PDB file of N, CA and C in Angstrom:
ATOM      1  N   UNK A   1      13.187  -5.694  -3.820  1.00  0.00           N
ATOM      2  CA  UNK A   1      12.415  -5.234  -4.538  1.00  0.00           C
ATOM      3  C   UNK A   1      13.321  -3.561  -5.621  1.00  0.00           C
ATOM      4  N   UNK A   2      12.304  -3.629  -6.411  1.00  0.00           N
ATOM      5  CA  UNK A   2      13.143  -2.640  -7.620  1.00  0.00           C
ATOM      6  C   UNK A   2      13.174  -1.478  -6.809  1.00  0.00           C
ATOM      7  N   UNK A   3      13.720  -0.099  -7.451  1.00  0.00           N
ATOM      8  CA  UNK A   3      13.600   0.946  -7.602  1.00  0.00           C
ATOM      9  C   UNK A   3      12.560   1.947  -8.516  1.00  0.00           C
ATOM     10  N   UNK A   4      12.342   1.260  -9.589  1.00  0.00           N
ATOM     11  CA  UNK A   4      10.964   1.739 -10.435  1.00  0.00           C
ATOM     12  C   UNK A   4       9.672   1.507  -9.801  1.00  0.00           C
ATOM     13  N   UNK A   5       8.649   2.066 -10.571  1.00  0.00           N
ATOM     14  CA  UNK A   5       7.353   2.212  -9.595  1.00  0.00           C
ATOM     15  C   UNK A   5       6.201   0.704  -9.991  1.00  0.00           C
ATOM     16  N   UNK A   6       6.124  -0.023  -9.656  1.00  0.00           N
ATOM     17  CA  UNK A   6       4.666  -1.128 -10.131  1.00  0.00           C
ATOM     18  C   UNK A   6       3.107  -0.773  -9.827  1.00  0.00           C
ATOM     19  N   UNK A   7       3.174  -1.701 -10.891  1.00  0.00           N
ATOM     20  CA  UNK A   7       1.230  -1.501 -10.980  1.00  0.00           C
ATOM     21  C   UNK A   7       1.009  -3.027 -10.209  1.00  0.00           C
ATOM     22  N   UNK A   8       0.492  -2.557  -9.320  1.00  0.00           N
ATOM     23  CA  UNK A   8      -0.409  -3.632  -8.328  1.00  0.00           C
ATOM     24  C   UNK A   8      -2.203  -3.541  -8.230  1.00  0.00           C
ATOM     25  N   UNK A   9      -2.753  -4.594  -8.667  1.00  0.00           N
ATOM     26  CA  UNK A   9      -4.432  -4.845  -8.959  1.00  0.00           C
ATOM     27  C   UNK A   9      -4.572  -4.536  -7.620  1.00  0.00           C
ATOM     28  N   UNK A  10      -5.206  -3.296  -7.569  1.00  0.00           N
ATOM     29  CA  UNK A  10      -6.915  -2.844  -6.843  1.00  0.00           C
ATOM     30  C   UNK A  10      -6.130  -1.916  -6.273  1.00  0.00           C
ATOM     31  N   UNK A  11      -4.661  -1.019  -6.078  1.00  0.00           N
ATOM     32  CA  UNK A  11      -3.497  -0.468  -5.618  1.00  0.00           C
ATOM     33  C   UNK A  11      -3.102   0.502  -7.097  1.00  0.00           C
ATOM     34  N   UNK A  12      -3.003  -0.003  -8.142  1.00  0.00           N
ATOM     35  CA  UNK A  12      -2.814   0.703  -9.563  1.00  0.00           C
ATOM     36  C   UNK A  12      -0.818   1.344  -9.550  1.00  0.00           C
ATOM     37  N   UNK A  13      -0.274   2.562  -9.770  1.00  0.00           N
ATOM     38  CA  UNK A  13       0.824   2.319  -9.816  1.00  0.00           C
ATOM     39  C   UNK A  13       1.200   2.801  -8.085  1.00  0.00           C
ATOM     40  N   UNK A  14       2.038   1.777  -8.133  1.00  0.00           N
ATOM     41  CA  UNK A  14       3.073   2.464  -7.062  1.00  0.00           C
ATOM     42  C   UNK A  14       4.483   3.166  -6.859  1.00  0.00           C
ATOM     43  N   UNK A  15       5.358   3.921  -6.213  1.00  0.00           N
ATOM     44  CA  UNK A  15       6.354   4.364  -6.413  1.00  0.00           C
ATOM     45  C   UNK A  15       7.160   4.241  -5.572  1.00  0.00           C
ATOM     46  N   UNK A  16       8.180   3.391  -5.348  1.00  0.00           N
ATOM     47  CA  UNK A  16       9.387   3.445  -4.315  1.00  0.00           C
ATOM     48  C   UNK A  16       9.610   4.454  -3.604  1.00  0.00           C
ATOM     49  N   UNK A  17       9.997   4.895  -2.197  1.00  0.00           N
ATOM     50  CA  UNK A  17      10.364   5.724  -1.842  1.00  0.00           C
ATOM     51  C   UNK A  17      12.280   5.655  -1.528  1.00  0.00           C
ATOM     52  N   UNK A  18      12.011   4.279  -1.111  1.00  0.00           N
ATOM     53  CA  UNK A  18      13.161   3.500  -0.773  1.00  0.00           C
ATOM     54  C   UNK A  18      13.600   2.790  -1.275  1.00  0.00           C
ATOM     55  N   UNK A  19      14.529   1.168  -0.882  1.00  0.00           N
ATOM     56  CA  UNK A  19      14.728   0.167  -1.620  1.00  0.00           C
ATOM     57  C   UNK A  19      13.688  -0.518  -0.787  1.00  0.00           C
ATOM     58  N   UNK A  20      12.384  -0.438   0.113  1.00  0.00           N
ATOM     59  CA  UNK A  20      11.643  -1.013   1.152  1.00  0.00           C
ATOM     60  C   UNK A  20      10.954  -0.714   1.163  1.00  0.00           C
ATOM     61  N   UNK A  21      10.218   0.825   1.047  1.00  0.00           N
ATOM     62  CA  UNK A  21       9.361   1.171   0.671  1.00  0.00           C
ATOM     63  C   UNK A  21       8.169   1.829   0.218  1.00  0.00           C
ATOM     64  N   UNK A  22       6.786   1.573  -0.060  1.00  0.00           N
ATOM     65  CA  UNK A  22       6.338   2.418  -1.866  1.00  0.00           C
ATOM     66  C   UNK A  22       5.328   3.481  -1.266  1.00  0.00           C
ATOM     67  N   UNK A  23       4.950   3.672  -2.345  1.00  0.00           N
ATOM     68  CA  UNK A  23       3.607   4.869  -1.920  1.00  0.00           C
ATOM     69  C   UNK A  23       2.571   4.482  -2.540  1.00  0.00           C
ATOM     70  N   UNK A  24       1.605   4.175  -2.646  1.00  0.00           N
ATOM     71  CA  UNK A  24       0.433   4.598  -3.885  1.00  0.00           C
ATOM     72  C   UNK A  24       0.580   6.082  -4.219  1.00  0.00           C
ATOM     73  N   UNK A  25       0.263   6.038  -5.938  1.00  0.00           N
ATOM     74  CA  UNK A  25       0.233   7.362  -6.487  1.00  0.00           C
ATOM     75  C   UNK A  25      -1.154   8.317  -5.527  1.00  0.00           C
ATOM     76  N   UNK A  26      -2.593   7.202  -6.036  1.00  0.00           N
ATOM     77  CA  UNK A  26      -3.519   8.130  -5.760  1.00  0.00           C
ATOM     78  C   UNK A  26      -3.937   7.246  -4.530  1.00  0.00           C
ATOM     79  N   UNK A  27      -4.737   7.902  -4.036  1.00  0.00           N
ATOM     80  CA  UNK A  27      -5.602   7.638  -2.717  1.00  0.00           C
ATOM     81  C   UNK A  27      -6.846   6.602  -3.260  1.00  0.00           C
ATOM     82  N   UNK A  28      -7.056   5.592  -2.538  1.00  0.00           N
ATOM     83  CA  UNK A  28      -6.457   4.020  -3.130  1.00  0.00           C
ATOM     84  C   UNK A  28      -8.216   4.399  -1.750  1.00  0.00           C
ATOM     85  N   UNK A  29      -9.628   3.254  -2.787  1.00  0.00           N
ATOM     86  CA  UNK A  29     -10.858   3.439  -1.914  1.00  0.00           C
ATOM     87  C   UNK A  29     -10.836   2.178  -0.462  1.00  0.00           C
ATOM     88  N   UNK A  30     -11.733   2.167  -0.032  1.00  0.00           N
ATOM     89  CA  UNK A  30     -11.505   1.260   1.508  1.00  0.00           C
ATOM     90  C   UNK A  30     -11.643   0.305   0.904  1.00  0.00           C
ATOM     91  N   UNK A  31     -12.403  -0.744  -0.281  1.00  0.00           N
ATOM     92  CA  UNK A  31     -13.381  -1.807  -0.342  1.00  0.00           C
ATOM     93  C   UNK A  31     -11.897  -2.153  -1.482  1.00  0.00           C
ATOM     94  N   UNK A  32     -10.568  -1.678  -1.491  1.00  0.00           N
ATOM     95  CA  UNK A  32      -9.859  -2.013  -2.217  1.00  0.00           C
ATOM     96  C   UNK A  32      -8.440  -2.241  -0.675  1.00  0.00           C
ATOM     97  N   UNK A  33      -8.133  -1.203   0.191  1.00  0.00           N
ATOM     98  CA  UNK A  33      -7.338  -1.806   1.123  1.00  0.00           C
ATOM     99  C   UNK A  33      -8.391  -3.156   1.553  1.00  0.00           C
ATOM    100  N   UNK A  34      -9.898  -2.589   2.397  1.00  0.00           N
ATOM    101  CA  UNK A  34     -10.182  -4.508   2.374  1.00  0.00           C
ATOM    102  C   UNK A  34      -9.030  -5.623   1.647  1.00  0.00           C
ATOM    103  N   UNK A  35      -9.784  -5.474   0.484  1.00  0.00           N
ATOM    104  CA  UNK A  35      -9.336  -6.756  -0.424  1.00  0.00           C
ATOM    105  C   UNK A  35      -7.563  -6.985  -0.333  1.00  0.00           C
ATOM    106  N   UNK A  36      -6.867  -6.114   0.060  1.00  0.00           N
ATOM    107  CA  UNK A  36      -4.987  -6.333   0.411  1.00  0.00           C
ATOM    108  C   UNK A  36      -5.201  -7.100   1.841  1.00  0.00           C
ATOM    109  N   UNK A  37      -6.589  -6.927   2.562  1.00  0.00           N
ATOM    110  CA  UNK A  37      -5.850  -8.185   3.354  1.00  0.00           C
ATOM    111  C   UNK A  37      -6.102  -9.705   2.856  1.00  0.00           C
ATOM    112  N   UNK A  38      -6.784  -9.729   1.949  1.00  0.00           N
ATOM    113  CA  UNK A  38      -7.201 -11.051   1.588  1.00  0.00           C
ATOM    114  C   UNK A  38      -6.035 -11.517   0.864  1.00  0.00           C
ATOM    115  N   UNK A  39      -4.765 -10.431   0.720  1.00  0.00           N
ATOM    116  CA  UNK A  39      -3.768 -11.101  -0.469  1.00  0.00           C
ATOM    117  C   UNK A  39      -2.832 -11.925  -0.400  1.00  0.00           C
ATOM    118  N   UNK A  40      -2.325 -13.468  -0.401  1.00  0.00           N
ATOM    119  CA  UNK A  40      -1.221 -13.951   0.182  1.00  0.00           C
ATOM    120  C   UNK A  40      -0.091 -13.576   0.423  1.00  0.00           C
ATOM    121  N   UNK A  41       0.166 -12.606  -0.424  1.00  0.00           N
ATOM    122  CA  UNK A  41       1.247 -11.805  -0.168  1.00  0.00           C
ATOM    123  C   UNK A  41       1.656 -10.384   1.446  1.00  0.00           C
ATOM    124  N   UNK A  42       0.122  -9.996   1.491  1.00  0.00           N
ATOM    125  CA  UNK A  42       0.270  -9.060   2.578  1.00  0.00           C
ATOM    126  C   UNK A  42      -0.120 -10.190   4.039  1.00  0.00           C
ATOM    127  N   UNK A  43       0.714  -9.768   4.726  1.00  0.00           N
ATOM    128  CA  UNK A  43       0.830  -9.760   5.827  1.00  0.00           C
ATOM    129  C   UNK A  43      -0.503  -9.340   7.138  1.00  0.00           C
ATOM    130  N   UNK A  44      -0.075  -7.657   6.364  1.00  0.00           N
ATOM    131  CA  UNK A  44      -0.712  -6.734   7.960  1.00  0.00           C
ATOM    132  C   UNK A  44      -1.205  -6.119   6.619  1.00  0.00           C
ATOM    133  N   UNK A  45      -2.483  -5.238   7.659  1.00  0.00           N
ATOM    134  CA  UNK A  45      -2.458  -3.982   7.129  1.00  0.00           C
ATOM    135  C   UNK A  45      -3.224  -3.164   8.452  1.00  0.00           C
ATOM    136  N   UNK A  46      -2.840  -1.733   8.445  1.00  0.00           N
ATOM    137  CA  UNK A  46      -2.589  -0.707   9.796  1.00  0.00           C
ATOM    138  C   UNK A  46      -4.127   0.283   8.677  1.00  0.00           C
ATOM    139  N   UNK A  47      -4.176   0.528   9.290  1.00  0.00           N
ATOM    140  CA  UNK A  47      -5.344   2.156   8.792  1.00  0.00           C
ATOM    141  C   UNK A  47      -4.974   2.807   9.947  1.00  0.00           C
ATOM    142  N   UNK A  48      -4.416   4.518   9.584  1.00  0.00           N
ATOM    143  CA  UNK A  48      -4.195   5.314  10.507  1.00  0.00           C
ATOM    144  C   UNK A  48      -5.097   6.432  10.295  1.00  0.00           C
ATOM    145  N   UNK A  49      -5.015   7.717  11.904  1.00  0.00           N
ATOM    146  CA  UNK A  49      -5.568   8.757  10.774  1.00  0.00           C
ATOM    147  C   UNK A  49      -4.642   9.174   9.496  1.00  0.00           C
ATOM    148  N   UNK A  50      -3.818   9.771   9.346  1.00  0.00           N
ATOM    149  CA  UNK A  50      -2.302  10.565   8.961  1.00  0.00           C
ATOM    150  C   UNK A  50      -1.890  11.012   9.421  1.00  0.00           C
ATOM    151  N   UNK A  51      -1.626  11.724   8.168  1.00  0.00           N
ATOM    152  CA  UNK A  51      -1.173  13.316   8.531  1.00  0.00           C
ATOM    153  C   UNK A  51      -2.099  14.594   7.859  1.00  0.00           C
ATOM    154  N   UNK A  52      -2.167  15.264   9.162  1.00  0.00           N
ATOM    155  CA  UNK A  52      -3.146  16.160   7.999  1.00  0.00           C
ATOM    156  C   UNK A  52      -4.642  15.433   8.660  1.00  0.00           C
ATOM    157  N   UNK A  53      -4.718  14.042   9.035  1.00  0.00           N
ATOM    158  CA  UNK A  53      -6.412  13.343   9.642  1.00  0.00           C
ATOM    159  C   UNK A  53      -6.687  13.439   8.215  1.00  0.00           C
ATOM    160  N   UNK A  54      -6.954  13.084   6.668  1.00  0.00           N
ATOM    161  CA  UNK A  54      -6.574  12.097   6.226  1.00  0.00           C
ATOM    162  C   UNK A  54      -6.313  11.289   6.416  1.00  0.00           C
ATOM    163  N   UNK A  55      -7.120   9.687   6.063  1.00  0.00           N
ATOM    164  CA  UNK A  55      -7.025   8.292   6.415  1.00  0.00           C
ATOM    165  C   UNK A  55      -5.886   7.709   5.222  1.00  0.00           C
ATOM    166  N   UNK A  56      -4.614   6.913   6.537  1.00  0.00           N
ATOM    167  CA  UNK A  56      -4.042   5.984   5.645  1.00  0.00           C
ATOM    168  C   UNK A  56      -4.232   4.657   6.092  1.00  0.00           C
ATOM    169  N   UNK A  57      -3.277   3.622   4.667  1.00  0.00           N
ATOM    170  CA  UNK A  57      -2.875   2.274   5.411  1.00  0.00           C
ATOM    171  C   UNK A  57      -1.089   2.474   5.152  1.00  0.00           C
ATOM    172  N   UNK A  58      -1.267   1.301   5.836  1.00  0.00           N
ATOM    173  CA  UNK A  58       0.426   0.553   6.000  1.00  0.00           C
ATOM    174  C   UNK A  58      -0.188  -0.939   5.496  1.00  0.00           C
ATOM    175  N   UNK A  59       0.251  -1.447   4.151  1.00  0.00           N
ATOM    176  CA  UNK A  59       0.543  -2.545   4.523  1.00  0.00           C
ATOM    177  C   UNK A  59       2.568  -3.343   4.505  1.00  0.00           C
ATOM    178  N   UNK A  60       1.861  -4.252   5.610  1.00  0.00           N
ATOM    179  CA  UNK A  60       3.699  -4.955   5.151  1.00  0.00           C
ATOM    180  C   UNK A  60       3.333  -6.566   4.734  1.00  0.00           C
ATOM    181  N   UNK A  61       4.353  -6.343   4.081  1.00  0.00           N
ATOM    182  CA  UNK A  61       4.080  -7.193   2.208  1.00  0.00           C
ATOM    183  C   UNK A  61       5.456  -8.144   2.012  1.00  0.00           C
ATOM    184  N   UNK A  62       4.878  -9.138   1.315  1.00  0.00           N
ATOM    185  CA  UNK A  62       5.772  -9.679   1.223  1.00  0.00           C
ATOM    186  C   UNK A  62       6.009 -10.923  -0.115  1.00  0.00           C
ATOM    187  N   UNK A  63       6.781 -10.418  -1.246  1.00  0.00           N
ATOM    188  CA  UNK A  63       6.524 -10.538  -2.421  1.00  0.00           C
ATOM    189  C   UNK A  63       7.595 -11.897  -3.679  1.00  0.00           C
ATOM    190  N   UNK A  64       7.770 -13.365  -3.603  1.00  0.00           N
ATOM    191  CA  UNK A  64       9.000 -13.895  -4.709  1.00  0.00           C
ATOM    192  C   UNK A  64      10.062 -13.346  -3.209  1.00  0.00           C
ATOM    193  N   UNK A  65      10.134 -13.837  -2.031  1.00  0.00           N
ATOM    194  CA  UNK A  65      10.788 -13.770  -0.562  1.00  0.00           C
ATOM    195  C   UNK A  65      11.372 -12.014  -0.449  1.00  0.00           C
ATOM    196  N   UNK A  66      10.701 -10.907  -0.739  1.00  0.00           N
ATOM    197  CA  UNK A  66      11.194  -9.461  -0.406  1.00  0.00           C
ATOM    198  C   UNK A  66      10.146  -9.097   0.172  1.00  0.00           C
ATOM    199  N   UNK A  67      11.092  -8.663   1.776  1.00  0.00           N
ATOM    200  CA  UNK A  67       9.871  -7.733   2.475  1.00  0.00           C
ATOM    201  C   UNK A  67       9.628  -6.323   2.043  1.00  0.00           C
ATOM    202  N   UNK A  68       8.588  -5.466   1.901  1.00  0.00           N
ATOM    203  CA  UNK A  68       8.084  -4.970   1.392  1.00  0.00           C
ATOM    204  C   UNK A  68       6.644  -4.369   1.887  1.00  0.00           C
ATOM    205  N   UNK A  69       6.886  -2.631   2.187  1.00  0.00           N
ATOM    206  CA  UNK A  69       5.501  -1.784   2.929  1.00  0.00           C
ATOM    207  C   UNK A  69       5.149  -1.315   0.990  1.00  0.00           C
ATOM    208  N   UNK A  70       4.391  -0.740   2.303  1.00  0.00           N
ATOM    209  CA  UNK A  70       2.745   0.259   1.241  1.00  0.00           C
ATOM    210  C   UNK A  70       2.308   1.234   1.476  1.00  0.00           C
ATOM    211  N   UNK A  71       2.230   1.854   1.171  1.00  0.00           N
ATOM    212  CA  UNK A  71       2.268   3.264   2.226  1.00  0.00           C
ATOM    213  C   UNK A  71       1.009   3.802   1.121  1.00  0.00           C
ATOM    214  N   UNK A  72      -0.618   4.711   1.719  1.00  0.00           N
ATOM    215  CA  UNK A  72      -1.156   5.409   0.912  1.00  0.00           C
ATOM    216  C   UNK A  72      -2.399   5.526   1.464  1.00  0.00           C
ATOM    217  N   UNK A  73      -3.045   6.928   1.169  1.00  0.00           N
ATOM    218  CA  UNK A  73      -4.266   7.200   1.403  1.00  0.00           C
ATOM    219  C   UNK A  73      -5.417   6.958   0.736  1.00  0.00           C
ATOM    220  N   UNK A  74      -6.344   6.881   1.846  1.00  0.00           N
ATOM    221  CA  UNK A  74      -7.636   5.706   1.408  1.00  0.00           C
ATOM    222  C   UNK A  74      -8.426   7.156   0.854  1.00  0.00           C
ATOM    223  N   UNK A  75      -9.218   7.567  -0.259  1.00  0.00           N
ATOM    224  CA  UNK A  75     -10.821   7.956  -0.513  1.00  0.00           C
ATOM    225  C   UNK A  75     -11.500   7.734   0.088  1.00  0.00           C
ATOM    226  N   UNK A  76     -12.392   9.481   0.523  1.00  0.00           N
ATOM    227  CA  UNK A  76     -13.074   9.274   0.269  1.00  0.00           C
ATOM    228  C   UNK A  76     -13.374   8.947   1.759  1.00  0.00           C
ATOM    229  N   UNK A  77     -14.676   9.298   2.557  1.00  0.00           N
ATOM    230  CA  UNK A  77     -15.221   9.020   4.049  1.00  0.00           C
ATOM    231  C   UNK A  77     -15.756   8.857   4.663  1.00  0.00           C
TER     232      UNK A  77
END
């Protein structure tokens, strides 16, 4: 993947934290996390308490033959 920010449907703008990891700028909805599960380029989605108790998601993805992860906060509770 690129080291430039990319815009993904449902996630908005995500920025690279290194060559294969990205982080969503803004918290995303529970519905958007659910929608990730159904994307063909997403292999797995995990949800955790995250840092400071705020729920986070971690998605393992592959697009155009390149593997990468996306991490971000989940909005609301």
